[in-house]
Amino acid sequence: MNTSSPFALVRTDRLILRTPRHGDESAVFAIHANPETNQHNPAGPMRDLTEAQECISQWIDDWSVHGIGYWCVSTLDDPQIIGVSGVRVMEWSGRQVLNLYYRFAPDAWGKGYATEVAREDVKVANSYLPGLPVIARTRSTNLSSMRVAERVGLVRRPDLDTSEHVMYATWW
């Protein structure tokens, strides 16, 4: 765990958000390989555990380089990973941004966890890297994801849409 970041371990009212670590691959794979969690992902589900290992390595690197990234999410009373969420530094439309991401196991759906953690994601992003806008890229068919983006304060930005993405941002 990157203990140098003040955001390596965060608690919300119901959730624990912690940096990913080697050993999380099976839980991350279970979430990302599930066809239900990939209904709006044109790349489809993860194909194998190696892909999960590569993601975990990249996410660990993000934390090392930027001090911020995607968290593994669990409830306060159970250490089992129920989702992944956070903000990741990336380039979009020629500028550096923070990409807001949230994906949860189907068992965790409908409980408000995505909104709870996305709210924390945006709060941390705005305090830690206020010079970077937070964006959410989603598919036009992913109404749940759009509602979460709106609930946490991102604004619909049709001027940033692409043929694949509907865009939301904190500012641009």
Protein backbone atom coordinates (compact mmCIF):
# COMPACT_ATOMS: atom_id res chain seq x y z
CA MET A 1 0.00 0.00 0.00
CA ASN A 2 1.30 3.47 -0.84
CA THR A 3 1.39 4.94 2.63
CA SER A 4 2.97 8.16 1.35
CA SER A 5 -0.40 9.28 -0.02
CA PRO A 6 -2.84 10.71 2.51
CA PHE A 7 -5.54 8.94 0.48
CA ALA A 8 -4.11 5.42 0.59
CA LEU A 9 -6.85 4.43 3.04
CA VAL A 10 -10.13 6.32 3.29
CA ARG A 11 -13.33 5.50 5.15
CA THR A 12 -16.78 6.73 4.26
CA ASP A 13 -19.94 6.12 6.27
CA ARG A 14 -20.20 2.54 5.01
CA LEU A 15 -17.09 1.78 2.97
CA ILE A 16 -13.34 1.30 3.12
CA LEU A 17 -11.39 2.59 0.13
CA ARG A 18 -7.80 1.40 -0.08
CA THR A 19 -5.05 1.29 -2.63
CA PRO A 20 -4.89 -1.90 -4.68
CA ARG A 21 -2.19 -4.43 -3.95
CA HIS A 22 -0.88 -7.63 -5.44
CA GLY A 23 -3.20 -10.32 -4.17
CA ASP A 24 -6.34 -8.39 -5.20
CA GLU A 25 -6.29 -9.86 -8.70
CA SER A 26 -8.87 -12.59 -8.12
CA ALA A 27 -11.41 -10.18 -6.64
CA VAL A 28 -10.80 -7.59 -9.37
CA PHE A 29 -11.08 -10.30 -12.01
CA ALA A 30 -14.35 -11.60 -10.54
CA ILE A 31 -15.88 -8.13 -10.87
CA HIS A 32 -14.41 -7.19 -14.25
CA ALA A 33 -14.91 -10.60 -15.89
CA ASN A 34 -18.60 -10.69 -15.07
CA PRO A 35 -20.73 -10.06 -18.19
CA GLU A 36 -23.29 -8.20 -16.05
CA THR A 37 -20.72 -5.58 -15.04
CA ASN A 38 -19.70 -5.08 -18.67
CA GLN A 39 -23.05 -4.48 -20.33
CA HIS A 40 -21.88 -1.02 -21.45
CA ASN A 41 -18.23 -1.88 -22.08
CA PRO A 42 -17.50 -2.46 -25.78
CA ALA A 43 -14.26 -4.25 -24.87
CA GLY A 44 -16.32 -6.74 -22.91
CA PRO A 45 -15.35 -8.60 -19.76
CA MET A 46 -11.77 -9.29 -18.71
CA ARG A 47 -10.59 -12.46 -20.38
CA ASP A 48 -8.16 -13.87 -17.83
CA LEU A 49 -6.40 -13.34 -14.53
CA THR A 50 -3.33 -11.97 -16.32
CA GLU A 51 -5.40 -8.99 -17.44
CA ALA A 52 -6.41 -8.36 -13.83
CA GLN A 53 -2.76 -8.59 -12.75
CA GLU A 54 -1.82 -6.00 -15.38
CA CYS A 55 -4.58 -3.65 -14.16
CA ILE A 56 -3.49 -4.01 -10.54
CA SER A 57 0.13 -3.27 -11.52
CA GLN A 58 -0.94 -0.16 -13.46
CA TRP A 59 -3.14 1.03 -10.60
CA ILE A 60 -0.27 0.54 -8.11
CA ASP A 61 1.99 2.54 -10.44
CA ASP A 62 -0.62 5.32 -10.63
CA TRP A 63 -0.57 5.63 -6.84
CA SER A 64 3.25 5.66 -6.80
CA VAL A 65 3.51 8.34 -9.49
CA HIS A 66 0.50 10.55 -8.71
CA GLY A 67 -0.43 9.78 -5.09
CA ILE A 68 -3.97 9.14 -6.29
CA GLY A 69 -5.71 6.46 -8.33
CA TYR A 70 -8.32 3.73 -8.24
CA TRP A 71 -9.25 2.18 -4.91
CA CYS A 72 -10.41 -1.30 -4.05
CA VAL A 73 -13.70 -0.91 -2.18
CA SER A 74 -15.11 -3.03 0.64
CA THR A 75 -17.73 -2.50 3.31
CA LEU A 76 -16.77 -1.57 6.86
CA ASP A 77 -17.85 -4.98 8.15
CA ASP A 78 -16.43 -7.23 5.40
CA PRO A 79 -12.97 -7.01 3.79
CA GLN A 80 -14.19 -8.70 0.57
CA ILE A 81 -13.69 -6.34 -2.40
CA ILE A 82 -17.09 -5.33 -3.79
CA GLY A 83 -15.88 -2.79 -6.32
CA VAL A 84 -13.23 -0.54 -7.77
CA SER A 85 -13.54 3.22 -7.88
CA GLY A 86 -11.40 6.31 -7.93
CA VAL A 87 -9.83 8.89 -10.18
CA ARG A 88 -6.92 8.25 -12.48
CA VAL A 89 -4.68 10.82 -14.15
CA MET A 90 -4.97 10.50 -17.93
CA GLU A 91 -5.04 12.58 -21.08
CA TRP A 92 -8.38 13.37 -22.71
CA SER A 93 -8.94 15.73 -25.64
CA GLY A 94 -5.37 17.00 -25.42
CA ARG A 95 -5.33 17.83 -21.72
CA GLN A 96 -4.56 16.12 -18.45
CA VAL A 97 -7.69 15.12 -16.51
CA LEU A 98 -8.82 12.87 -13.69
CA ASN A 99 -10.96 10.03 -15.01
CA LEU A 100 -13.71 9.06 -12.56
CA TYR A 101 -14.30 5.31 -12.53
CA TYR A 102 -16.65 3.03 -10.64
CA ARG A 103 -17.48 -0.64 -11.17
CA PHE A 104 -19.12 -2.84 -8.57
CA ALA A 105 -20.08 -6.49 -8.27
CA PRO A 106 -23.78 -7.02 -9.05
CA ASP A 107 -24.41 -7.98 -5.39
CA ALA A 108 -23.42 -4.41 -4.44
CA TRP A 109 -25.75 -2.70 -6.93
CA GLY A 110 -28.72 -0.68 -5.78
CA LYS A 111 -27.24 0.21 -2.37
CA GLY A 112 -25.85 3.64 -3.24
CA TYR A 113 -22.23 2.51 -2.97
CA ALA A 114 -21.21 3.93 -6.37
CA THR A 115 -22.55 7.35 -5.45
CA GLU A 116 -21.00 7.21 -1.98
CA VAL A 117 -17.55 6.37 -3.26
CA ALA A 118 -17.75 8.62 -6.35
CA ARG A 119 -18.59 11.54 -4.06
CA GLU A 120 -15.42 10.76 -2.09
CA ASP A 121 -13.46 10.37 -5.35
CA VAL A 122 -14.44 13.87 -6.48
CA LYS A 123 -13.79 15.37 -3.03
CA VAL A 124 -10.29 13.86 -2.89
CA ALA A 125 -9.55 14.88 -6.48
CA ASN A 126 -10.62 18.48 -5.88
CA SER A 127 -8.51 18.78 -2.73
CA TYR A 128 -5.42 16.92 -3.97
CA LEU A 129 -5.24 17.96 -7.63
CA PRO A 130 -7.55 20.98 -7.95
CA GLY A 131 -5.95 22.03 -11.23
CA LEU A 132 -7.29 18.98 -13.05
CA PRO A 133 -10.93 18.56 -14.07
CA VAL A 134 -12.69 15.35 -13.09
CA ILE A 135 -14.42 13.71 -16.03
CA ALA A 136 -16.74 10.74 -16.37
CA ARG A 137 -16.90 8.97 -19.71
CA THR A 138 -19.90 6.74 -20.14
CA ARG A 139 -22.02 5.17 -22.84
CA SER A 140 -25.31 6.78 -23.79
CA THR A 141 -27.09 3.59 -22.70
CA ASN A 142 -25.57 3.56 -19.19
CA LEU A 143 -28.23 5.56 -17.36
CA SER A 144 -27.05 4.40 -13.92
CA SER A 145 -23.55 5.72 -14.53
CA MET A 146 -24.91 9.03 -15.78
CA ARG A 147 -27.05 9.42 -12.65
CA VAL A 148 -24.05 8.77 -10.41
CA ALA A 149 -21.98 11.40 -12.27
CA GLU A 150 -24.79 13.95 -11.86
CA ARG A 151 -25.33 13.11 -8.17
CA VAL A 152 -21.68 13.81 -7.36
CA GLY A 153 -21.66 17.20 -9.07
CA LEU A 154 -20.38 16.52 -12.57
CA VAL A 155 -22.11 18.46 -15.32
CA ARG A 156 -23.21 17.03 -18.66
CA ARG A 157 -20.84 18.30 -21.39
CA PRO A 158 -22.24 17.49 -24.87
CA ASP A 159 -19.44 19.60 -26.39
CA LEU A 160 -16.95 16.94 -25.19
CA ASP A 161 -18.95 13.90 -26.40
CA THR A 162 -17.41 11.47 -28.84
CA SER A 163 -19.02 8.83 -31.00
CA GLU A 164 -18.44 6.39 -28.11
CA HIS A 165 -18.77 8.53 -24.99
CA VAL A 166 -21.24 10.79 -23.28
CA MET A 167 -19.19 13.19 -21.15
CA TYR A 168 -19.56 14.76 -17.73
CA ALA A 169 -17.02 17.05 -16.04
CA THR A 170 -16.53 19.13 -12.92
CA TRP A 171 -15.21 21.96 -15.14
CA TRP A 172 -13.22 22.18 -18.36
